[in-house]
Amino acid sequence: MSQSEYDQKLTQVNSARQQYQLAQNVAQQSYRSLEASRARVDLARKAAADTVVRAPFAGIVAERVVGTGDYVSRGTKVATVVRIDPVRVELTVPEQYLSQIRTGQAVRLSVDAYPNEIFTAKVRFVSPSLKSDQRALTVEAIAPNADGRLKPGLFATALLQHPAPAPALLVPASAVETVSGTSRVYVIAAGEKVEERIVTLGEKVGDRVELATGVKSGERVAANPRGKLADGVRVQIEG
Protein backbone atom coordinates (compact mmCIF):
# COMPACT_ATOMS: atom_id res chain seq x y z
CA MET A 1 0.00 0.00 0.00
CA SER A 2 1.35 3.37 -0.93
CA GLN A 3 1.81 6.11 1.63
CA SER A 4 -0.88 8.25 0.04
CA GLU A 5 -3.42 5.40 0.15
CA TYR A 6 -2.55 4.70 3.79
CA ASP A 7 -3.00 8.37 4.71
CA GLN A 8 -6.35 8.40 2.93
CA LYS A 9 -7.62 5.32 4.85
CA LEU A 10 -6.34 6.74 8.13
CA THR A 11 -8.24 9.97 7.49
CA GLN A 12 -11.41 7.96 6.85
CA VAL A 13 -10.98 6.02 10.13
CA ASN A 14 -10.43 9.18 12.13
CA SER A 15 -13.49 10.78 10.51
CA ALA A 16 -15.60 7.68 11.35
CA ARG A 17 -14.42 7.81 14.95
CA GLN A 18 -15.38 11.48 15.23
CA GLN A 19 -18.83 10.75 13.74
CA TYR A 20 -19.29 7.86 16.22
CA GLN A 21 -18.31 10.10 19.15
CA LEU A 22 -20.66 12.81 17.92
CA ALA A 23 -23.47 10.26 17.63
CA GLN A 24 -22.77 9.08 21.19
CA ASN A 25 -22.95 12.65 22.49
CA VAL A 26 -26.23 13.26 20.63
CA ALA A 27 -27.68 10.01 22.02
CA GLN A 28 -26.70 10.95 25.59
CA GLN A 29 -28.27 14.38 25.21
CA SER A 30 -31.44 12.81 23.81
CA TYR A 31 -31.57 10.35 26.75
CA ARG A 32 -31.14 13.15 29.29
CA SER A 33 -33.87 15.09 27.51
CA LEU A 34 -36.09 11.98 27.70
CA GLU A 35 -35.47 11.65 31.45
CA ALA A 36 -36.32 15.31 31.97
CA SER A 37 -39.53 14.88 29.96
CA ARG A 38 -40.46 11.82 32.05
CA ALA A 39 -39.87 13.82 35.24
CA ARG A 40 -42.13 16.61 33.95
CA VAL A 41 -44.80 14.04 33.11
CA ASP A 42 -44.59 12.58 36.65
CA LEU A 43 -44.90 16.08 38.14
CA ALA A 44 -47.87 16.83 35.87
CA ARG A 45 -49.56 13.56 36.89
CA LYS A 46 -48.99 14.34 40.58
CA ALA A 47 -50.35 17.86 40.12
CA ALA A 48 -53.42 16.42 38.38
CA ALA A 49 -53.87 13.82 41.15
CA ASP A 50 -53.64 16.56 43.78
CA THR A 51 -56.74 18.18 42.30
CA VAL A 52 -58.81 15.10 43.23
CA VAL A 53 -59.94 14.76 46.86
CA ARG A 54 -60.31 11.13 47.88
CA ALA A 55 -61.95 9.78 51.04
CA PRO A 56 -60.11 7.03 52.97
CA PHE A 57 -63.25 4.84 52.78
CA ALA A 58 -66.22 4.21 50.52
CA GLY A 59 -69.24 6.32 51.41
CA ILE A 60 -71.70 9.00 50.34
CA VAL A 61 -71.21 12.77 50.35
CA ALA A 62 -73.63 14.14 52.95
CA GLU A 63 -72.51 17.77 52.66
CA ARG A 64 -70.37 19.67 50.14
CA VAL A 65 -68.73 22.77 51.59
CA VAL A 66 -66.93 24.12 48.49
CA GLY A 67 -67.83 24.27 44.82
CA THR A 68 -66.07 23.92 41.48
CA GLY A 69 -63.44 26.62 41.01
CA ASP A 70 -63.06 27.49 44.69
CA TYR A 71 -59.50 27.83 45.96
CA VAL A 72 -58.69 25.63 48.92
CA SER A 73 -55.54 25.07 50.92
CA ARG A 74 -54.30 22.14 52.96
CA GLY A 75 -56.58 21.43 55.90
CA THR A 76 -59.66 23.06 54.37
CA LYS A 77 -62.86 21.05 54.81
CA VAL A 78 -64.38 20.40 51.39
CA ALA A 79 -67.09 17.81 52.14
CA THR A 80 -68.62 15.51 54.74
CA VAL A 81 -68.60 11.84 53.77
CA VAL A 82 -70.58 9.23 55.69
CA ARG A 83 -70.22 5.47 55.60
CA ILE A 84 -73.61 3.77 55.46
CA ASP A 85 -72.65 0.12 55.02
CA PRO A 86 -72.20 -0.95 57.68
CA VAL A 87 -73.56 1.68 60.06
CA ARG A 88 -72.23 2.22 63.56
CA VAL A 89 -74.83 2.16 66.31
CA GLU A 90 -74.02 3.81 69.66
CA LEU A 91 -76.02 2.35 72.53
CA THR A 92 -76.41 3.45 76.16
CA VAL A 93 -76.79 0.52 78.56
CA PRO A 94 -77.68 0.97 82.29
CA GLU A 95 -74.88 -0.01 84.66
CA GLN A 96 -76.81 -2.93 86.21
CA TYR A 97 -76.50 -4.80 82.91
CA LEU A 98 -72.72 -4.37 82.67
CA SER A 99 -72.00 -8.05 83.39
CA GLN A 100 -74.32 -9.17 80.58
CA ILE A 101 -72.63 -7.26 77.72
CA ARG A 102 -70.09 -9.05 75.54
CA THR A 103 -68.28 -8.30 72.29
CA GLY A 104 -69.94 -10.18 69.42
CA GLN A 105 -73.31 -10.20 71.16
CA ALA A 106 -76.37 -10.09 68.89
CA VAL A 107 -78.46 -6.92 68.88
CA ARG A 108 -81.98 -6.35 67.54
CA LEU A 109 -82.75 -2.79 66.43
CA SER A 110 -86.00 -0.98 65.75
CA VAL A 111 -86.40 2.57 64.42
CA ASP A 112 -89.48 4.78 64.16
CA ALA A 113 -88.94 5.18 60.42
CA TYR A 114 -89.73 1.48 59.84
CA PRO A 115 -92.36 0.41 62.40
CA ASN A 116 -92.80 -3.32 63.08
CA GLU A 117 -89.47 -4.09 61.39
CA ILE A 118 -86.38 -5.47 63.11
CA PHE A 119 -82.76 -4.87 62.04
CA THR A 120 -79.82 -6.96 63.26
CA ALA A 121 -76.40 -5.90 64.51
CA LYS A 122 -73.48 -7.16 66.58
CA VAL A 123 -71.61 -5.56 69.46
CA ARG A 124 -68.14 -4.48 68.31
CA PHE A 125 -66.92 -2.37 71.24
CA VAL A 126 -67.75 -2.07 74.94
CA SER A 127 -66.50 1.08 76.69
CA PRO A 128 -64.12 0.40 79.60
CA SER A 129 -65.77 3.13 81.72
CA LEU A 130 -69.22 4.50 82.51
CA LYS A 131 -70.55 7.94 81.72
CA SER A 132 -70.50 9.70 85.08
CA ASP A 133 -73.50 11.91 84.31
CA GLN A 134 -75.71 8.96 83.29
CA ARG A 135 -74.20 6.02 85.17
CA ALA A 136 -74.48 4.15 81.90
CA LEU A 137 -72.18 2.18 79.65
CA THR A 138 -71.49 3.12 76.04
CA VAL A 139 -71.68 0.17 73.66
CA GLU A 140 -70.93 0.28 69.93
CA ALA A 141 -72.64 -2.14 67.54
CA ILE A 142 -72.30 -2.63 63.79
CA ALA A 143 -75.35 -3.18 61.59
CA PRO A 144 -75.21 -4.27 57.92
CA ASN A 145 -76.95 -1.74 55.67
CA ALA A 146 -76.45 -2.84 52.06
CA ASP A 147 -79.77 -1.32 50.97
CA GLY A 148 -79.01 2.00 52.70
CA ARG A 149 -82.33 2.12 54.55
CA LEU A 150 -80.71 2.98 57.89
CA LYS A 151 -79.66 6.62 57.80
CA PRO A 152 -76.93 8.17 59.98
CA GLY A 153 -78.51 10.15 62.81
CA LEU A 154 -81.55 7.92 63.32
CA PHE A 155 -82.56 7.08 66.90
CA ALA A 156 -82.89 3.35 67.52
CA THR A 157 -84.23 1.14 70.27
CA ALA A 158 -81.98 -1.86 70.88
CA LEU A 159 -82.52 -5.24 72.46
CA LEU A 160 -79.27 -6.99 73.38
CA GLN A 161 -79.63 -10.74 73.39
CA HIS A 162 -77.67 -13.11 75.58
CA PRO A 163 -77.95 -16.90 75.73
CA ALA A 164 -78.93 -17.31 79.40
CA PRO A 165 -80.88 -14.32 80.68
CA ALA A 166 -81.52 -14.05 84.40
CA PRO A 167 -85.15 -14.64 85.43
CA ALA A 168 -87.03 -11.36 85.31
CA LEU A 169 -88.91 -10.09 88.36
CA LEU A 170 -92.08 -8.45 87.01
CA VAL A 171 -94.64 -6.39 88.89
CA PRO A 172 -97.70 -4.43 87.69
CA ALA A 173 -96.65 -1.05 86.34
CA SER A 174 -99.19 0.53 88.70
CA ALA A 175 -97.14 -0.75 91.67
CA VAL A 176 -94.26 1.59 90.84
CA GLU A 177 -94.26 5.23 91.88
CA THR A 178 -91.70 7.49 90.19
CA VAL A 179 -91.01 10.96 91.60
CA SER A 180 -88.18 13.21 90.34
CA GLY A 181 -86.58 10.27 88.53
CA THR A 182 -86.58 7.98 91.59
CA SER A 183 -88.74 4.85 91.41
CA ARG A 184 -90.11 3.08 94.51
CA VAL A 185 -92.43 0.27 95.44
CA TYR A 186 -94.02 -0.76 98.75
CA VAL A 187 -93.23 -4.26 99.97
CA ILE A 188 -95.67 -5.83 102.44
CA ALA A 189 -93.47 -7.04 105.31
CA ALA A 190 -94.21 -8.91 108.55
CA GLY A 191 -97.09 -7.54 110.58
CA GLU A 192 -98.81 -6.34 107.39
CA LYS A 193 -96.71 -3.17 107.38
CA VAL A 194 -95.37 -1.75 104.17
CA GLU A 195 -91.71 -1.07 103.60
CA GLU A 196 -90.65 1.52 101.03
CA ARG A 197 -88.02 0.23 98.59
CA ILE A 198 -86.07 2.25 96.02
CA VAL A 199 -85.91 0.15 92.85
CA THR A 200 -84.17 0.14 89.48
CA LEU A 201 -86.47 -0.48 86.55
CA GLY A 202 -85.68 -2.77 83.65
CA GLU A 203 -87.68 -3.71 80.56
CA LYS A 204 -91.40 -3.08 80.26
CA VAL A 205 -93.45 -6.12 79.25
CA GLY A 206 -97.07 -5.27 78.49
CA ASP A 207 -98.72 -3.84 81.60
CA ARG A 208 -95.86 -5.05 83.78
CA VAL A 209 -92.38 -3.71 84.43
CA GLU A 210 -89.16 -5.47 85.42
CA LEU A 211 -87.52 -4.64 88.74
CA ALA A 212 -83.77 -5.01 88.32
CA THR A 213 -82.88 -4.18 91.94
CA GLY A 214 -84.63 -3.44 95.22
CA VAL A 215 -87.03 -6.39 95.54
CA LYS A 216 -86.39 -10.11 95.90
CA SER A 217 -88.37 -12.94 94.40
CA GLY A 218 -91.27 -14.03 96.63
CA GLU A 219 -91.80 -10.67 98.34
CA ARG A 220 -95.29 -9.17 98.17
CA VAL A 221 -95.67 -5.74 96.57
CA ALA A 222 -98.61 -3.35 96.86
CA ALA A 223 -100.22 -3.41 93.42
CA ASN A 224 -101.63 0.12 93.37
CA PRO A 225 -100.40 2.46 96.14
CA ARG A 226 -101.82 5.59 94.42
CA GLY A 227 -99.72 7.84 96.66
CA LYS A 228 -101.55 6.74 99.81
CA LEU A 229 -98.82 4.51 101.28
CA ALA A 230 -95.70 5.43 103.22
CA ASP A 231 -92.96 3.50 104.95
CA GLY A 232 -94.29 1.70 108.06
CA VAL A 233 -98.00 2.09 107.29
CA ARG A 234 -100.13 -0.93 108.23
CA VAL A 235 -102.29 -2.37 105.46
CA GLN A 236 -105.05 -4.93 105.18
CA ILE A 237 -104.67 -7.72 102.63
CA GLU A 238 -107.76 -8.33 100.52
CA GLY A 239 -108.52 -11.72 99.03
C-alpha atoms as a PDB file:
ATOM      1  CA  MET A   1       0.000   0.000   0.000  1.00  0.00           C
ATOM      2  CA  SER A   2       1.346   3.374  -0.933  1.00  0.00           C
ATOM      3  CA  GLN A   3       1.811   6.108   1.626  1.00  0.00           C
ATOM      4  CA  SER A   4      -0.876   8.253   0.042  1.00  0.00           C
ATOM      5  CA  GLU A   5      -3.416   5.402   0.151  1.00  0.00           C
ATOM      6  CA  TYR A   6      -2.545   4.704   3.793  1.00  0.00           C
ATOM      7  CA  ASP A   7      -2.997   8.372   4.714  1.00  0.00           C
ATOM      8  CA  GLN A   8      -6.355   8.400   2.930  1.00  0.00           C
ATOM      9  CA  LYS A   9      -7.624   5.322   4.846  1.00  0.00           C
ATOM     10  CA  LEU A  10      -6.338   6.740   8.133  1.00  0.00           C
ATOM     11  CA  THR A  11      -8.241   9.972   7.494  1.00  0.00           C
ATOM     12  CA  GLN A  12     -11.409   7.965   6.854  1.00  0.00           C
ATOM     13  CA  VAL A  13     -10.983   6.016  10.126  1.00  0.00           C
ATOM     14  CA  ASN A  14     -10.429   9.184  12.135  1.00  0.00           C
ATOM     15  CA  SER A  15     -13.487  10.776  10.513  1.00  0.00           C
ATOM     16  CA  ALA A  16     -15.598   7.678  11.347  1.00  0.00           C
ATOM     17  CA  ARG A  17     -14.419   7.806  14.947  1.00  0.00           C
ATOM     18  CA  GLN A  18     -15.385  11.477  15.231  1.00  0.00           C
ATOM     19  CA  GLN A  19     -18.827  10.754  13.742  1.00  0.00           C
ATOM     20  CA  TYR A  20     -19.293   7.865  16.215  1.00  0.00           C
ATOM     21  CA  GLN A  21     -18.312  10.096  19.150  1.00  0.00           C
ATOM     22  CA  LEU A  22     -20.655  12.806  17.923  1.00  0.00           C
ATOM     23  CA  ALA A  23     -23.473  10.265  17.630  1.00  0.00           C
ATOM     24  CA  GLN A  24     -22.775   9.085  21.191  1.00  0.00           C
ATOM     25  CA  ASN A  25     -22.952  12.649  22.487  1.00  0.00           C
ATOM     26  CA  VAL A  26     -26.230  13.264  20.634  1.00  0.00           C
ATOM     27  CA  ALA A  27     -27.677  10.014  22.023  1.00  0.00           C
ATOM     28  CA  GLN A  28     -26.700  10.946  25.589  1.00  0.00           C
ATOM     29  CA  GLN A  29     -28.272  14.380  25.215  1.00  0.00           C
ATOM     30  CA  SER A  30     -31.443  12.806  23.813  1.00  0.00           C
ATOM     31  CA  TYR A  31     -31.566  10.354  26.753  1.00  0.00           C
ATOM     32  CA  ARG A  32     -31.135  13.147  29.293  1.00  0.00           C
ATOM     33  CA  SER A  33     -33.873  15.094  27.514  1.00  0.00           C
ATOM     34  CA  LEU A  34     -36.091  11.984  27.701  1.00  0.00           C
ATOM     35  CA  GLU A  35     -35.467  11.647  31.450  1.00  0.00           C
ATOM     36  CA  ALA A  36     -36.317  15.311  31.966  1.00  0.00           C
ATOM     37  CA  SER A  37     -39.526  14.878  29.960  1.00  0.00           C
ATOM     38  CA  ARG A  38     -40.464  11.820  32.055  1.00  0.00           C
ATOM     39  CA  ALA A  39     -39.867  13.822  35.243  1.00  0.00           C
ATOM     40  CA  ARG A  40     -42.132  16.611  33.946  1.00  0.00           C
ATOM     41  CA  VAL A  41     -44.800  14.036  33.112  1.00  0.00           C
ATOM     42  CA  ASP A  42     -44.592  12.583  36.649  1.00  0.00           C
ATOM     43  CA  LEU A  43     -44.902  16.081  38.141  1.00  0.00           C
ATOM     44  CA  ALA A  44     -47.869  16.826  35.872  1.00  0.00           C
ATOM     45  CA  ARG A  45     -49.565  13.564  36.890  1.00  0.00           C
ATOM     46  CA  LYS A  46     -48.989  14.340  40.578  1.00  0.00           C
ATOM     47  CA  ALA A  47     -50.352  17.857  40.120  1.00  0.00           C
ATOM     48  CA  ALA A  48     -53.423  16.416  38.378  1.00  0.00           C
ATOM     49  CA  ALA A  49     -53.866  13.823  41.151  1.00  0.00           C
ATOM     50  CA  ASP A  50     -53.636  16.558  43.784  1.00  0.00           C
ATOM     51  CA  THR A  51     -56.735  18.181  42.297  1.00  0.00           C
ATOM     52  CA  VAL A  52     -58.809  15.102  43.229  1.00  0.00           C
ATOM     53  CA  VAL A  53     -59.942  14.762  46.856  1.00  0.00           C
ATOM     54  CA  ARG A  54     -60.309  11.128  47.881  1.00  0.00           C
ATOM     55  CA  ALA A  55     -61.950   9.785  51.043  1.00  0.00           C
ATOM     56  CA  PRO A  56     -60.112   7.033  52.966  1.00  0.00           C
ATOM     57  CA  PHE A  57     -63.245   4.841  52.782  1.00  0.00           C
ATOM     58  CA  ALA A  58     -66.222   4.212  50.518  1.00  0.00           C
ATOM     59  CA  GLY A  59     -69.237   6.324  51.407  1.00  0.00           C
ATOM     60  CA  ILE A  60     -71.701   9.000  50.340  1.00  0.00           C
ATOM     61  CA  VAL A  61     -71.211  12.767  50.355  1.00  0.00           C
ATOM     62  CA  ALA A  62     -73.628  14.142  52.955  1.00  0.00           C
ATOM     63  CA  GLU A  63     -72.514  17.773  52.656  1.00  0.00           C
ATOM     64  CA  ARG A  64     -70.366  19.668  50.141  1.00  0.00           C
ATOM     65  CA  VAL A  65     -68.725  22.770  51.588  1.00  0.00           C
ATOM     66  CA  VAL A  66     -66.925  24.120  48.485  1.00  0.00           C
ATOM     67  CA  GLY A  67     -67.833  24.267  44.822  1.00  0.00           C
ATOM     68  CA  THR A  68     -66.068  23.916  41.476  1.00  0.00           C
ATOM     69  CA  GLY A  69     -63.442  26.625  41.010  1.00  0.00           C
ATOM     70  CA  ASP A  70     -63.064  27.489  44.685  1.00  0.00           C
ATOM     71  CA  TYR A  71     -59.501  27.831  45.959  1.00  0.00           C
ATOM     72  CA  VAL A  72     -58.689  25.626  48.924  1.00  0.00           C
ATOM     73  CA  SER A  73     -55.542  25.065  50.919  1.00  0.00           C
ATOM     74  CA  ARG A  74     -54.302  22.138  52.956  1.00  0.00           C
ATOM     75  CA  GLY A  75     -56.583  21.427  55.904  1.00  0.00           C
ATOM     76  CA  THR A  76     -59.657  23.062  54.370  1.00  0.00           C
ATOM     77  CA  LYS A  77     -62.858  21.049  54.807  1.00  0.00           C
ATOM     78  CA  VAL A  78     -64.382  20.404  51.391  1.00  0.00           C
ATOM     79  CA  ALA A  79     -67.086  17.812  52.138  1.00  0.00           C
ATOM     80  CA  THR A  80     -68.620  15.515  54.740  1.00  0.00           C
ATOM     81  CA  VAL A  81     -68.598  11.844  53.772  1.00  0.00           C
ATOM     82  CA  VAL A  82     -70.584   9.234  55.689  1.00  0.00           C
ATOM     83  CA  ARG A  83     -70.219   5.472  55.603  1.00  0.00           C
ATOM     84  CA  ILE A  84     -73.611   3.773  55.460  1.00  0.00           C
ATOM     85  CA  ASP A  85     -72.649   0.120  55.019  1.00  0.00           C
ATOM     86  CA  PRO A  86     -72.200  -0.951  57.679  1.00  0.00           C
ATOM     87  CA  VAL A  87     -73.563   1.675  60.056  1.00  0.00           C
ATOM     88  CA  ARG A  88     -72.228   2.224  63.562  1.00  0.00           C
ATOM     89  CA  VAL A  89     -74.828   2.164  66.315  1.00  0.00           C
ATOM     90  CA  GLU A  90     -74.021   3.815  69.659  1.00  0.00           C
ATOM     91  CA  LEU A  91     -76.022   2.347  72.526  1.00  0.00           C
ATOM     92  CA  THR A  92     -76.405   3.446  76.156  1.00  0.00           C
ATOM     93  CA  VAL A  93     -76.786   0.523  78.563  1.00  0.00           C
ATOM     94  CA  PRO A  94     -77.682   0.966  82.287  1.00  0.00           C
ATOM     95  CA  GLU A  95     -74.879  -0.010  84.656  1.00  0.00           C
ATOM     96  CA  GLN A  96     -76.809  -2.927  86.211  1.00  0.00           C
ATOM     97  CA  TYR A  97     -76.501  -4.800  82.905  1.00  0.00           C
ATOM     98  CA  LEU A  98     -72.722  -4.369  82.670  1.00  0.00           C
ATOM     99  CA  SER A  99     -72.000  -8.046  83.388  1.00  0.00           C
ATOM    100  CA  GLN A 100     -74.316  -9.167  80.575  1.00  0.00           C
ATOM    101  CA  ILE A 101     -72.632  -7.261  77.721  1.00  0.00           C
ATOM    102  CA  ARG A 102     -70.089  -9.054  75.536  1.00  0.00           C
ATOM    103  CA  THR A 103     -68.282  -8.300  72.286  1.00  0.00           C
ATOM    104  CA  GLY A 104     -69.939 -10.181  69.419  1.00  0.00           C
ATOM    105  CA  GLN A 105     -73.309 -10.203  71.164  1.00  0.00           C
ATOM    106  CA  ALA A 106     -76.370 -10.091  68.894  1.00  0.00           C
ATOM    107  CA  VAL A 107     -78.461  -6.917  68.881  1.00  0.00           C
ATOM    108  CA  ARG A 108     -81.979  -6.351  67.539  1.00  0.00           C
ATOM    109  CA  LEU A 109     -82.753  -2.790  66.432  1.00  0.00           C
ATOM    110  CA  SER A 110     -85.998  -0.978  65.746  1.00  0.00           C
ATOM    111  CA  VAL A 111     -86.404   2.572  64.423  1.00  0.00           C
ATOM    112  CA  ASP A 112     -89.481   4.779  64.161  1.00  0.00           C
ATOM    113  CA  ALA A 113     -88.941   5.182  60.416  1.00  0.00           C
ATOM    114  CA  TYR A 114     -89.732   1.479  59.837  1.00  0.00           C
ATOM    115  CA  PRO A 115     -92.361   0.405  62.400  1.00  0.00           C
ATOM    116  CA  ASN A 116     -92.804  -3.324  63.080  1.00  0.00           C
ATOM    117  CA  GLU A 117     -89.475  -4.094  61.390  1.00  0.00           C
ATOM    118  CA  ILE A 118     -86.382  -5.470  63.107  1.00  0.00           C
ATOM    119  CA  PHE A 119     -82.760  -4.873  62.038  1.00  0.00           C
ATOM    120  CA  THR A 120     -79.824  -6.958  63.256  1.00  0.00           C
ATOM    121  CA  ALA A 121     -76.401  -5.897  64.507  1.00  0.00           C
ATOM    122  CA  LYS A 122     -73.476  -7.165  66.580  1.00  0.00           C
ATOM    123  CA  VAL A 123     -71.610  -5.564  69.465  1.00  0.00           C
ATOM    124  CA  ARG A 124     -68.141  -4.479  68.315  1.00  0.00           C
ATOM    125  CA  PHE A 125     -66.921  -2.374  71.244  1.00  0.00           C
ATOM    126  CA  VAL A 126     -67.750  -2.067  74.941  1.00  0.00           C
ATOM    127  CA  SER A 127     -66.505   1.076  76.688  1.00  0.00           C
ATOM    128  CA  PRO A 128     -64.120   0.399  79.602  1.00  0.00           C
ATOM    129  CA  SER A 129     -65.771   3.128  81.723  1.00  0.00           C
ATOM    130  CA  LEU A 130     -69.219   4.500  82.515  1.00  0.00           C
ATOM    131  CA  LYS A 131     -70.552   7.943  81.718  1.00  0.00           C
ATOM    132  CA  SER A 132     -70.505   9.702  85.080  1.00  0.00           C
ATOM    133  CA  ASP A 133     -73.501  11.906  84.308  1.00  0.00           C
ATOM    134  CA  GLN A 134     -75.714   8.964  83.290  1.00  0.00           C
ATOM    135  CA  ARG A 135     -74.204   6.017  85.172  1.00  0.00           C
ATOM    136  CA  ALA A 136     -74.479   4.155  81.897  1.00  0.00           C
ATOM    137  CA  LEU A 137     -72.175   2.175  79.650  1.00  0.00           C
ATOM    138  CA  THR A 138     -71.495   3.121  76.036  1.00  0.00           C
ATOM    139  CA  VAL A 139     -71.679   0.168  73.658  1.00  0.00           C
ATOM    140  CA  GLU A 140     -70.931   0.275  69.928  1.00  0.00           C
ATOM    141  CA  ALA A 141     -72.636  -2.137  67.544  1.00  0.00           C
ATOM    142  CA  ILE A 142     -72.298  -2.631  63.791  1.00  0.00           C
ATOM    143  CA  ALA A 143     -75.354  -3.181  61.587  1.00  0.00           C
ATOM    144  CA  PRO A 144     -75.211  -4.270  57.915  1.00  0.00           C
ATOM    145  CA  ASN A 145     -76.950  -1.744  55.667  1.00  0.00           C
ATOM    146  CA  ALA A 146     -76.445  -2.835  52.061  1.00  0.00           C
ATOM    147  CA  ASP A 147     -79.774  -1.320  50.972  1.00  0.00           C
ATOM    148  CA  GLY A 148     -79.008   1.997  52.696  1.00  0.00           C
ATOM    149  CA  ARG A 149     -82.332   2.124  54.548  1.00  0.00           C
ATOM    150  CA  LEU A 150     -80.713   2.981  57.891  1.00  0.00           C
ATOM    151  CA  LYS A 151     -79.656   6.617  57.798  1.00  0.00           C
ATOM    152  CA  PRO A 152     -76.933   8.167  59.980  1.00  0.00           C
ATOM    153  CA  GLY A 153     -78.508  10.155  62.807  1.00  0.00           C
ATOM    154  CA  LEU A 154     -81.553   7.922  63.322  1.00  0.00           C
ATOM    155  CA  PHE A 155     -82.565   7.083  66.897  1.00  0.00           C
ATOM    156  CA  ALA A 156     -82.886   3.352  67.523  1.00  0.00           C
ATOM    157  CA  THR A 157     -84.232   1.139  70.275  1.00  0.00           C
ATOM    158  CA  ALA A 158     -81.981  -1.860  70.881  1.00  0.00           C
ATOM    159  CA  LEU A 159     -82.522  -5.245  72.458  1.00  0.00           C
ATOM    160  CA  LEU A 160     -79.270  -6.985  73.379  1.00  0.00           C
ATOM    161  CA  GLN A 161     -79.628 -10.742  73.386  1.00  0.00           C
ATOM    162  CA  HIS A 162     -77.673 -13.113  75.583  1.00  0.00           C
ATOM    163  CA  PRO A 163     -77.949 -16.901  75.734  1.00  0.00           C
ATOM    164  CA  ALA A 164     -78.930 -17.309  79.401  1.00  0.00           C
ATOM    165  CA  PRO A 165     -80.883 -14.318  80.682  1.00  0.00           C
ATOM    166  CA  ALA A 166     -81.518 -14.049  84.401  1.00  0.00           C
ATOM    167  CA  PRO A 167     -85.154 -14.643  85.426  1.00  0.00           C
ATOM    168  CA  ALA A 168     -87.027 -11.356  85.315  1.00  0.00           C
ATOM    169  CA  LEU A 169     -88.911 -10.087  88.356  1.00  0.00           C
ATOM    170  CA  LEU A 170     -92.079  -8.446  87.013  1.00  0.00           C
ATOM    171  CA  VAL A 171     -94.644  -6.386  88.895  1.00  0.00           C
ATOM    172  CA  PRO A 172     -97.698  -4.433  87.687  1.00  0.00           C
ATOM    173  CA  ALA A 173     -96.652  -1.045  86.337  1.00  0.00           C
ATOM    174  CA  SER A 174     -99.190   0.531  88.700  1.00  0.00           C
ATOM    175  CA  ALA A 175     -97.144  -0.754  91.672  1.00  0.00           C
ATOM    176  CA  VAL A 176     -94.260   1.589  90.841  1.00  0.00           C
ATOM    177  CA  GLU A 177     -94.257   5.229  91.879  1.00  0.00           C
ATOM    178  CA  THR A 178     -91.701   7.489  90.194  1.00  0.00           C
ATOM    179  CA  VAL A 179     -91.013  10.961  91.602  1.00  0.00           C
ATOM    180  CA  SER A 180     -88.177  13.207  90.342  1.00  0.00           C
ATOM    181  CA  GLY A 181     -86.584  10.273  88.532  1.00  0.00           C
ATOM    182  CA  THR A 182     -86.580   7.982  91.594  1.00  0.00           C
ATOM    183  CA  SER A 183     -88.742   4.847  91.411  1.00  0.00           C
ATOM    184  CA  ARG A 184     -90.113   3.080  94.511  1.00  0.00           C
ATOM    185  CA  VAL A 185     -92.434   0.266  95.437  1.00  0.00           C
ATOM    186  CA  TYR A 186     -94.016  -0.761  98.751  1.00  0.00           C
ATOM    187  CA  VAL A 187     -93.228  -4.262  99.972  1.00  0.00           C
ATOM    188  CA  ILE A 188     -95.666  -5.830 102.442  1.00  0.00           C
ATOM    189  CA  ALA A 189     -93.466  -7.038 105.311  1.00  0.00           C
ATOM    190  CA  ALA A 190     -94.214  -8.913 108.552  1.00  0.00           C
ATOM    191  CA  GLY A 191     -97.086  -7.541 110.575  1.00  0.00           C
ATOM    192  CA  GLU A 192     -98.813  -6.341 107.386  1.00  0.00           C
ATOM    193  CA  LYS A 193     -96.714  -3.174 107.383  1.00  0.00           C
ATOM    194  CA  VAL A 194     -95.370  -1.752 104.165  1.00  0.00           C
ATOM    195  CA  GLU A 195     -91.708  -1.068 103.598  1.00  0.00           C
ATOM    196  CA  GLU A 196     -90.653   1.520 101.025  1.00  0.00           C
ATOM    197  CA  ARG A 197     -88.016   0.229  98.588  1.00  0.00           C
ATOM    198  CA  ILE A 198     -86.073   2.248  96.021  1.00  0.00           C
ATOM    199  CA  VAL A 199     -85.906   0.145  92.853  1.00  0.00           C
ATOM    200  CA  THR A 200     -84.169   0.145  89.485  1.00  0.00           C
ATOM    201  CA  LEU A 201     -86.470  -0.479  86.546  1.00  0.00           C
ATOM    202  CA  GLY A 202     -85.683  -2.774  83.648  1.00  0.00           C
ATOM    203  CA  GLU A 203     -87.682  -3.711  80.560  1.00  0.00           C
ATOM    204  CA  LYS A 204     -91.400  -3.080  80.264  1.00  0.00           C
ATOM    205  CA  VAL A 205     -93.449  -6.124  79.253  1.00  0.00           C
ATOM    206  CA  GLY A 206     -97.066  -5.268  78.485  1.00  0.00           C
ATOM    207  CA  ASP A 207     -98.719  -3.839  81.600  1.00  0.00           C
ATOM    208  CA  ARG A 208     -95.859  -5.051  83.783  1.00  0.00           C
ATOM    209  CA  VAL A 209     -92.379  -3.712  84.425  1.00  0.00           C
ATOM    210  CA  GLU A 210     -89.159  -5.469  85.419  1.00  0.00           C
ATOM    211  CA  LEU A 211     -87.522  -4.645  88.744  1.00  0.00           C
ATOM    212  CA  ALA A 212     -83.768  -5.005  88.321  1.00  0.00           C
ATOM    213  CA  THR A 213     -82.876  -4.179  91.940  1.00  0.00           C
ATOM    214  CA  GLY A 214     -84.628  -3.437  95.215  1.00  0.00           C
ATOM    215  CA  VAL A 215     -87.026  -6.393  95.538  1.00  0.00           C
ATOM    216  CA  LYS A 216     -86.392 -10.112  95.903  1.00  0.00           C
ATOM    217  CA  SER A 217     -88.366 -12.943  94.396  1.00  0.00           C
ATOM    218  CA  GLY A 218     -91.267 -14.033  96.634  1.00  0.00           C
ATOM    219  CA  GLU A 219     -91.800 -10.672  98.345  1.00  0.00           C
ATOM    220  CA  ARG A 220     -95.285  -9.166  98.168  1.00  0.00           C
ATOM    221  CA  VAL A 221     -95.668  -5.740  96.573  1.00  0.00           C
ATOM    222  CA  ALA A 222     -98.610  -3.347  96.858  1.00  0.00           C
ATOM    223  CA  ALA A 223    -100.224  -3.414  93.425  1.00  0.00           C
ATOM    224  CA  ASN A 224    -101.625   0.120  93.372  1.00  0.00           C
ATOM    225  CA  PRO A 225    -100.396   2.458  96.139  1.00  0.00           C
ATOM    226  CA  ARG A 226    -101.822   5.587  94.424  1.00  0.00           C
ATOM    227  CA  GLY A 227     -99.719   7.839  96.660  1.00  0.00           C
ATOM    228  CA  LYS A 228    -101.545   6.744  99.807  1.00  0.00           C
ATOM    229  CA  LEU A 229     -98.823   4.512 101.277  1.00  0.00           C
ATOM    230  CA  ALA A 230     -95.704   5.432 103.223  1.00  0.00           C
ATOM    231  CA  ASP A 231     -92.956   3.501 104.948  1.00  0.00           C
ATOM    232  CA  GLY A 232     -94.294   1.703 108.064  1.00  0.00           C
ATOM    233  CA  VAL A 233     -98.002   2.085 107.289  1.00  0.00           C
ATOM    234  CA  ARG A 234    -100.127  -0.932 108.228  1.00  0.00           C
ATOM    235  CA  VAL A 235    -102.290  -2.368 105.458  1.00  0.00           C
ATOM    236  CA  GLN A 236    -105.049  -4.926 105.184  1.00  0.00           C
ATOM    237  CA  ILE A 237    -104.672  -7.717 102.631  1.00  0.00           C
ATOM    238  CA  GLU A 238    -107.761  -8.330 100.525  1.00  0.00           C
ATOM    239  CA  GLY A 239    -108.523 -11.724  99.034  1.00  0.00           C
END
